[in-house]
Amino acid sequence: MLTQKQIEEILAKKPENRYKYFIKTVAAEEEVWGLADEEGWLLLEDDDDDTEVLAVFPNPEFAEIFREKGGFEEFQVEALDLYEFMEWLDDFEKEKMKVAVFPTPDFQSAVMTPRRLKDDFQIEFDKEKE
């Protein structure tokens, strides 16, 4: 469990530092958090090119804050196994989808390609083996 102070400090980080936190935390915990309803996982729209992006979080606390502040009350906070998520990334690549990593309540996130996420997770896994 994160304290309120930790949550505020992490949310205050720049997107690239939140992205690094996401990779490290998810690799260690082997879980990705998102918002889902009966129809599936919450997808946001990338303003740059109108592609769909999956919003993912490193901890349930951040998913919950985003759910409340973003007005997604009908969604539930759900966990997804990291290895299942990695398989999803293969599908996303084929479908040209992207991933919004760790959006803040004001929708600031690092929008990444599935390839980049997979590569960065692999680098993190290799570090843990050393």
N, C-alpha and C. Protein backbone atom coordinates (compact mmCIF):
# COMPACT_ATOMS: atom_id res chain seq x y z
N MET A 1 0.84 -1.21 0.00
CA MET A 1 0.00 0.00 0.00
C MET A 1 0.87 1.26 0.00
N LEU A 2 0.50 2.19 -0.81
CA LEU A 2 1.23 3.46 -0.87
C LEU A 2 0.59 4.47 0.07
N THR A 3 1.41 5.33 0.63
CA THR A 3 0.87 6.41 1.47
C THR A 3 0.39 7.54 0.56
N GLN A 4 -0.41 8.43 1.11
CA GLN A 4 -0.89 9.58 0.37
C GLN A 4 0.29 10.41 -0.14
N LYS A 5 1.30 10.55 0.69
CA LYS A 5 2.49 11.34 0.33
C LYS A 5 3.22 10.69 -0.86
N GLN A 6 3.38 9.37 -0.81
CA GLN A 6 4.03 8.66 -1.93
C GLN A 6 3.23 8.84 -3.22
N ILE A 7 1.91 8.72 -3.08
CA ILE A 7 1.04 8.86 -4.26
C ILE A 7 1.22 10.25 -4.88
N GLU A 8 1.20 11.28 -4.04
CA GLU A 8 1.35 12.66 -4.54
C GLU A 8 2.72 12.86 -5.18
N GLU A 9 3.76 12.34 -4.55
CA GLU A 9 5.12 12.49 -5.10
C GLU A 9 5.24 11.80 -6.46
N ILE A 10 4.68 10.60 -6.57
CA ILE A 10 4.77 9.87 -7.84
C ILE A 10 3.96 10.57 -8.93
N LEU A 11 2.75 11.04 -8.58
CA LEU A 11 1.92 11.75 -9.57
C LEU A 11 2.58 13.04 -10.03
N ALA A 12 3.40 13.64 -9.19
CA ALA A 12 4.05 14.91 -9.54
C ALA A 12 5.24 14.72 -10.49
N LYS A 13 5.67 13.48 -10.67
CA LYS A 13 6.82 13.22 -11.56
C LYS A 13 6.46 13.53 -13.01
N LYS A 14 7.48 13.80 -13.80
CA LYS A 14 7.29 13.99 -15.24
C LYS A 14 6.86 12.65 -15.87
N PRO A 15 6.15 12.70 -17.03
CA PRO A 15 5.68 11.45 -17.64
C PRO A 15 6.79 10.41 -17.84
N GLU A 16 8.00 10.84 -18.26
CA GLU A 16 9.04 9.84 -18.50
C GLU A 16 9.51 9.18 -17.20
N ASN A 17 9.46 9.93 -16.08
CA ASN A 17 9.83 9.33 -14.79
C ASN A 17 8.72 8.44 -14.24
N ARG A 18 7.47 8.81 -14.52
CA ARG A 18 6.37 7.91 -14.15
C ARG A 18 6.44 6.64 -14.98
N TYR A 19 6.86 6.78 -16.23
CA TYR A 19 7.00 5.61 -17.10
C TYR A 19 8.05 4.65 -16.53
N LYS A 20 9.19 5.19 -16.11
CA LYS A 20 10.24 4.35 -15.51
C LYS A 20 9.73 3.67 -14.25
N TYR A 21 8.99 4.41 -13.44
CA TYR A 21 8.41 3.85 -12.22
C TYR A 21 7.45 2.70 -12.58
N PHE A 22 6.65 2.92 -13.62
CA PHE A 22 5.70 1.90 -14.09
C PHE A 22 6.44 0.61 -14.47
N ILE A 23 7.47 0.73 -15.30
CA ILE A 23 8.22 -0.45 -15.77
C ILE A 23 8.81 -1.21 -14.58
N LYS A 24 9.49 -0.48 -13.69
CA LYS A 24 10.13 -1.10 -12.52
C LYS A 24 9.11 -1.80 -11.62
N THR A 25 8.02 -1.10 -11.29
CA THR A 25 7.01 -1.61 -10.37
C THR A 25 6.30 -2.82 -10.95
N VAL A 26 5.89 -2.72 -12.21
CA VAL A 26 5.16 -3.81 -12.85
C VAL A 26 6.06 -5.03 -13.02
N ALA A 27 7.31 -4.83 -13.39
CA ALA A 27 8.24 -5.96 -13.54
C ALA A 27 8.43 -6.67 -12.20
N ALA A 28 8.49 -5.89 -11.12
CA ALA A 28 8.69 -6.47 -9.78
C ALA A 28 7.43 -7.18 -9.28
N GLU A 29 6.26 -6.56 -9.49
CA GLU A 29 5.00 -7.10 -8.96
C GLU A 29 4.35 -8.12 -9.90
N GLU A 30 4.75 -8.07 -11.17
CA GLU A 30 4.18 -8.93 -12.22
C GLU A 30 2.68 -8.73 -12.40
N GLU A 31 2.24 -7.49 -12.16
CA GLU A 31 0.83 -7.15 -12.36
C GLU A 31 0.72 -5.76 -12.97
N VAL A 32 -0.23 -5.63 -13.88
CA VAL A 32 -0.57 -4.34 -14.49
C VAL A 32 -2.00 -4.05 -14.03
N TRP A 33 -2.31 -2.80 -13.78
CA TRP A 33 -3.66 -2.42 -13.34
C TRP A 33 -4.33 -1.57 -14.39
N GLY A 34 -5.63 -1.79 -14.55
CA GLY A 34 -6.39 -0.98 -15.49
C GLY A 34 -7.82 -0.84 -15.00
N LEU A 35 -8.65 -0.23 -15.84
CA LEU A 35 -10.07 -0.07 -15.52
C LEU A 35 -10.87 -0.88 -16.53
N ALA A 36 -11.82 -1.64 -16.02
CA ALA A 36 -12.63 -2.47 -16.91
C ALA A 36 -14.10 -2.41 -16.51
N ASP A 37 -14.95 -2.62 -17.51
CA ASP A 37 -16.39 -2.79 -17.23
C ASP A 37 -16.82 -4.07 -17.94
N GLU A 38 -18.14 -4.31 -18.05
CA GLU A 38 -18.55 -5.59 -18.65
C GLU A 38 -18.11 -5.71 -20.11
N GLU A 39 -17.91 -4.59 -20.76
CA GLU A 39 -17.53 -4.65 -22.18
C GLU A 39 -16.03 -4.78 -22.40
N GLY A 40 -15.26 -4.58 -21.36
CA GLY A 40 -13.81 -4.73 -21.54
C GLY A 40 -13.04 -3.62 -20.87
N TRP A 41 -11.82 -3.46 -21.28
CA TRP A 41 -10.89 -2.52 -20.65
C TRP A 41 -11.09 -1.11 -21.18
N LEU A 42 -10.86 -0.14 -20.31
CA LEU A 42 -11.00 1.26 -20.69
C LEU A 42 -9.97 1.64 -21.75
N LEU A 43 -10.48 2.17 -22.87
CA LEU A 43 -9.61 2.67 -23.93
C LEU A 43 -9.80 4.17 -24.02
N LEU A 44 -8.71 4.88 -24.13
CA LEU A 44 -8.76 6.33 -24.32
C LEU A 44 -8.42 6.59 -25.78
N GLU A 45 -8.59 7.83 -26.20
CA GLU A 45 -8.26 8.16 -27.59
C GLU A 45 -7.00 9.01 -27.62
N ASP A 46 -6.10 8.66 -28.52
CA ASP A 46 -4.89 9.45 -28.69
C ASP A 46 -5.25 10.64 -29.58
N ASP A 47 -5.14 11.84 -29.03
CA ASP A 47 -5.54 13.05 -29.77
C ASP A 47 -4.72 13.24 -31.04
N ASP A 48 -3.48 12.77 -31.03
CA ASP A 48 -2.62 13.01 -32.20
C ASP A 48 -3.13 12.31 -33.45
N ASP A 49 -3.55 11.05 -33.30
CA ASP A 49 -3.92 10.32 -34.52
C ASP A 49 -5.20 9.49 -34.36
N ASP A 50 -6.00 9.80 -33.33
CA ASP A 50 -7.29 9.12 -33.12
C ASP A 50 -7.20 7.61 -32.94
N THR A 51 -6.01 7.09 -32.59
CA THR A 51 -5.94 5.66 -32.33
C THR A 51 -6.41 5.41 -30.91
N GLU A 52 -6.82 4.17 -30.65
CA GLU A 52 -7.25 3.81 -29.30
C GLU A 52 -6.03 3.45 -28.48
N VAL A 53 -6.03 3.89 -27.24
CA VAL A 53 -4.92 3.57 -26.35
C VAL A 53 -5.49 2.96 -25.06
N LEU A 54 -4.83 1.93 -24.58
CA LEU A 54 -5.22 1.27 -23.34
C LEU A 54 -4.54 1.99 -22.19
N ALA A 55 -5.33 2.40 -21.19
CA ALA A 55 -4.77 3.06 -20.01
C ALA A 55 -4.34 2.01 -19.00
N VAL A 56 -3.06 2.05 -18.60
CA VAL A 56 -2.54 1.09 -17.62
C VAL A 56 -1.81 1.80 -16.49
N PHE A 57 -1.80 1.15 -15.33
CA PHE A 57 -1.25 1.75 -14.11
C PHE A 57 -0.35 0.76 -13.38
N PRO A 58 0.62 1.28 -12.59
CA PRO A 58 1.52 0.39 -11.86
C PRO A 58 0.95 -0.11 -10.53
N ASN A 59 -0.04 0.60 -9.98
CA ASN A 59 -0.60 0.24 -8.67
C ASN A 59 -2.11 0.49 -8.72
N PRO A 60 -2.87 -0.26 -7.91
CA PRO A 60 -4.32 -0.05 -7.90
C PRO A 60 -4.71 1.36 -7.44
N GLU A 61 -3.91 1.94 -6.55
CA GLU A 61 -4.24 3.28 -6.03
C GLU A 61 -4.36 4.31 -7.15
N PHE A 62 -3.43 4.23 -8.12
CA PHE A 62 -3.45 5.22 -9.21
C PHE A 62 -4.61 4.97 -10.16
N ALA A 63 -4.95 3.70 -10.37
CA ALA A 63 -6.10 3.37 -11.22
C ALA A 63 -7.37 3.92 -10.57
N GLU A 64 -7.45 3.79 -9.24
CA GLU A 64 -8.63 4.26 -8.50
C GLU A 64 -8.76 5.79 -8.57
N ILE A 65 -7.65 6.49 -8.40
CA ILE A 65 -7.66 7.96 -8.48
C ILE A 65 -8.12 8.40 -9.87
N PHE A 66 -7.60 7.73 -10.90
CA PHE A 66 -7.96 8.07 -12.28
C PHE A 66 -9.45 7.78 -12.52
N ARG A 67 -9.92 6.67 -11.97
CA ARG A 67 -11.34 6.30 -12.12
C ARG A 67 -12.24 7.38 -11.53
N GLU A 68 -11.91 7.81 -10.32
CA GLU A 68 -12.72 8.82 -9.64
C GLU A 68 -12.63 10.18 -10.31
N LYS A 69 -11.40 10.64 -10.53
CA LYS A 69 -11.20 12.00 -11.04
C LYS A 69 -11.51 12.12 -12.53
N GLY A 70 -11.35 11.01 -13.25
CA GLY A 70 -11.59 11.04 -14.69
C GLY A 70 -13.04 10.83 -15.06
N GLY A 71 -13.88 10.52 -14.04
CA GLY A 71 -15.30 10.33 -14.32
C GLY A 71 -15.63 8.97 -14.91
N PHE A 72 -14.88 7.94 -14.51
CA PHE A 72 -15.12 6.60 -15.04
C PHE A 72 -15.74 5.70 -13.97
N GLU A 73 -16.77 6.23 -13.26
CA GLU A 73 -17.35 5.52 -12.13
C GLU A 73 -17.89 4.14 -12.49
N GLU A 74 -18.31 3.98 -13.75
CA GLU A 74 -18.90 2.69 -14.14
C GLU A 74 -17.85 1.59 -14.31
N PHE A 75 -16.58 1.95 -14.26
CA PHE A 75 -15.50 0.98 -14.40
C PHE A 75 -15.02 0.50 -13.04
N GLN A 76 -14.44 -0.69 -13.02
CA GLN A 76 -13.82 -1.26 -11.82
C GLN A 76 -12.31 -1.30 -12.02
N VAL A 77 -11.58 -1.22 -10.93
CA VAL A 77 -10.13 -1.38 -10.98
C VAL A 77 -9.84 -2.89 -11.05
N GLU A 78 -9.09 -3.29 -12.07
CA GLU A 78 -8.80 -4.72 -12.27
C GLU A 78 -7.31 -4.93 -12.45
N ALA A 79 -6.84 -6.10 -12.00
CA ALA A 79 -5.44 -6.47 -12.18
C ALA A 79 -5.33 -7.40 -13.38
N LEU A 80 -4.20 -7.32 -14.05
CA LEU A 80 -3.92 -8.19 -15.18
C LEU A 80 -2.51 -8.74 -14.99
N ASP A 81 -2.37 -10.03 -15.17
CA ASP A 81 -1.06 -10.66 -15.06
C ASP A 81 -0.12 -10.08 -16.12
N LEU A 82 1.10 -9.76 -15.72
CA LEU A 82 2.06 -9.13 -16.62
C LEU A 82 2.29 -9.97 -17.87
N TYR A 83 2.34 -11.29 -17.74
CA TYR A 83 2.65 -12.14 -18.90
C TYR A 83 1.49 -12.19 -19.87
N GLU A 84 0.29 -12.09 -19.34
CA GLU A 84 -0.89 -11.99 -20.21
C GLU A 84 -0.86 -10.63 -20.94
N PHE A 85 -0.50 -9.61 -20.18
CA PHE A 85 -0.39 -8.26 -20.76
C PHE A 85 0.63 -8.25 -21.91
N MET A 86 1.74 -8.96 -21.74
CA MET A 86 2.77 -9.02 -22.79
C MET A 86 2.18 -9.65 -24.07
N GLU A 87 1.32 -10.65 -23.88
CA GLU A 87 0.66 -11.27 -25.05
C GLU A 87 -0.29 -10.28 -25.72
N TRP A 88 -0.99 -9.49 -24.90
CA TRP A 88 -1.86 -8.45 -25.45
C TRP A 88 -1.06 -7.49 -26.31
N LEU A 89 0.15 -7.17 -25.87
CA LEU A 89 0.97 -6.21 -26.60
C LEU A 89 1.26 -6.70 -28.02
N ASP A 90 1.40 -8.02 -28.19
CA ASP A 90 1.59 -8.57 -29.54
C ASP A 90 0.37 -8.27 -30.41
N ASP A 91 -0.82 -8.45 -29.83
CA ASP A 91 -2.06 -8.17 -30.57
C ASP A 91 -2.18 -6.67 -30.87
N PHE A 92 -1.83 -5.86 -29.88
CA PHE A 92 -1.91 -4.40 -30.06
C PHE A 92 -1.02 -3.96 -31.21
N GLU A 93 0.14 -4.60 -31.31
CA GLU A 93 1.07 -4.25 -32.38
C GLU A 93 0.42 -4.48 -33.74
N LYS A 94 -0.24 -5.62 -33.89
CA LYS A 94 -0.92 -5.96 -35.15
C LYS A 94 -2.04 -4.96 -35.43
N GLU A 95 -2.73 -4.54 -34.36
CA GLU A 95 -3.87 -3.64 -34.53
C GLU A 95 -3.48 -2.16 -34.51
N LYS A 96 -2.20 -1.89 -34.45
CA LYS A 96 -1.67 -0.51 -34.42
C LYS A 96 -2.20 0.29 -33.23
N MET A 97 -2.45 -0.40 -32.11
CA MET A 97 -2.90 0.29 -30.91
C MET A 97 -1.70 0.71 -30.08
N LYS A 98 -1.93 1.67 -29.19
CA LYS A 98 -0.86 2.11 -28.29
C LYS A 98 -1.32 1.96 -26.85
N VAL A 99 -0.40 2.25 -25.94
CA VAL A 99 -0.68 2.12 -24.52
C VAL A 99 -0.42 3.45 -23.83
N ALA A 100 -1.42 3.94 -23.08
CA ALA A 100 -1.24 5.16 -22.27
C ALA A 100 -0.73 4.70 -20.91
N VAL A 101 0.56 4.89 -20.69
CA VAL A 101 1.16 4.40 -19.46
C VAL A 101 0.96 5.41 -18.35
N PHE A 102 0.24 4.97 -17.32
CA PHE A 102 0.13 5.70 -16.07
C PHE A 102 -0.43 7.12 -16.26
N PRO A 103 -1.65 7.24 -16.84
CA PRO A 103 -2.23 8.58 -16.96
C PRO A 103 -2.55 9.19 -15.59
N THR A 104 -2.31 10.47 -15.46
CA THR A 104 -2.65 11.18 -14.23
C THR A 104 -4.12 11.60 -14.33
N PRO A 105 -4.71 12.09 -13.23
CA PRO A 105 -6.12 12.51 -13.28
C PRO A 105 -6.38 13.60 -14.34
N ASP A 106 -5.34 14.35 -14.72
CA ASP A 106 -5.57 15.34 -15.80
C ASP A 106 -5.12 14.81 -17.16
N PHE A 107 -5.08 13.48 -17.28
CA PHE A 107 -4.86 12.79 -18.56
C PHE A 107 -3.47 13.01 -19.16
N GLN A 108 -2.48 13.28 -18.32
CA GLN A 108 -1.10 13.35 -18.81
C GLN A 108 -0.53 11.93 -18.72
N SER A 109 -0.08 11.40 -19.85
CA SER A 109 0.50 10.07 -19.81
C SER A 109 1.60 9.95 -20.85
N ALA A 110 2.39 8.89 -20.71
CA ALA A 110 3.39 8.56 -21.73
C ALA A 110 2.71 7.56 -22.66
N VAL A 111 2.42 7.98 -23.90
CA VAL A 111 1.78 7.08 -24.85
C VAL A 111 2.88 6.33 -25.59
N MET A 112 2.87 5.01 -25.43
CA MET A 112 3.95 4.18 -25.96
C MET A 112 3.44 3.16 -26.96
N THR A 113 4.34 2.74 -27.84
CA THR A 113 4.01 1.63 -28.74
C THR A 113 4.18 0.33 -27.96
N PRO A 114 3.44 -0.71 -28.35
CA PRO A 114 3.61 -2.01 -27.69
C PRO A 114 5.05 -2.51 -27.75
N ARG A 115 5.70 -2.28 -28.88
CA ARG A 115 7.09 -2.73 -29.07
C ARG A 115 8.01 -2.11 -28.01
N ARG A 116 7.87 -0.80 -27.82
CA ARG A 116 8.72 -0.09 -26.85
C ARG A 116 8.50 -0.64 -25.43
N LEU A 117 7.23 -0.87 -25.08
CA LEU A 117 6.93 -1.42 -23.76
C LEU A 117 7.57 -2.79 -23.58
N LYS A 118 7.42 -3.65 -24.57
CA LYS A 118 7.99 -4.99 -24.47
C LYS A 118 9.51 -4.92 -24.33
N ASP A 119 10.13 -4.06 -25.12
CA ASP A 119 11.59 -3.91 -25.05
C ASP A 119 12.02 -3.43 -23.66
N ASP A 120 11.29 -2.45 -23.13
CA ASP A 120 11.67 -1.89 -21.83
C ASP A 120 11.44 -2.89 -20.70
N PHE A 121 10.39 -3.70 -20.82
CA PHE A 121 10.19 -4.76 -19.81
C PHE A 121 11.33 -5.77 -19.89
N GLN A 122 11.74 -6.10 -21.11
CA GLN A 122 12.82 -7.07 -21.29
C GLN A 122 14.11 -6.56 -20.66
N ILE A 123 14.40 -5.29 -20.86
CA ILE A 123 15.60 -4.67 -20.26
C ILE A 123 15.52 -4.78 -18.74
N GLU A 124 14.34 -4.51 -18.19
CA GLU A 124 14.14 -4.58 -16.73
C GLU A 124 14.29 -6.01 -16.22
N PHE A 125 13.75 -6.99 -16.96
CA PHE A 125 13.89 -8.40 -16.55
C PHE A 125 15.35 -8.81 -16.56
N ASP A 126 16.09 -8.35 -17.57
CA ASP A 126 17.50 -8.71 -17.67
C ASP A 126 18.29 -8.12 -16.50
N LYS A 127 17.93 -6.91 -16.08
CA LYS A 127 18.58 -6.26 -14.94
C LYS A 127 18.38 -7.09 -13.67
N GLU A 128 17.14 -7.60 -13.51
CA GLU A 128 16.82 -8.36 -12.29
C GLU A 128 17.61 -9.66 -12.22
N LYS A 129 17.99 -10.21 -13.37
CA LYS A 129 18.73 -11.48 -13.39
C LYS A 129 20.19 -11.29 -12.99
N GLU A 130 20.72 -10.08 -13.19
CA GLU A 130 22.15 -9.84 -12.96
C GLU A 130 22.56 -10.05 -11.51
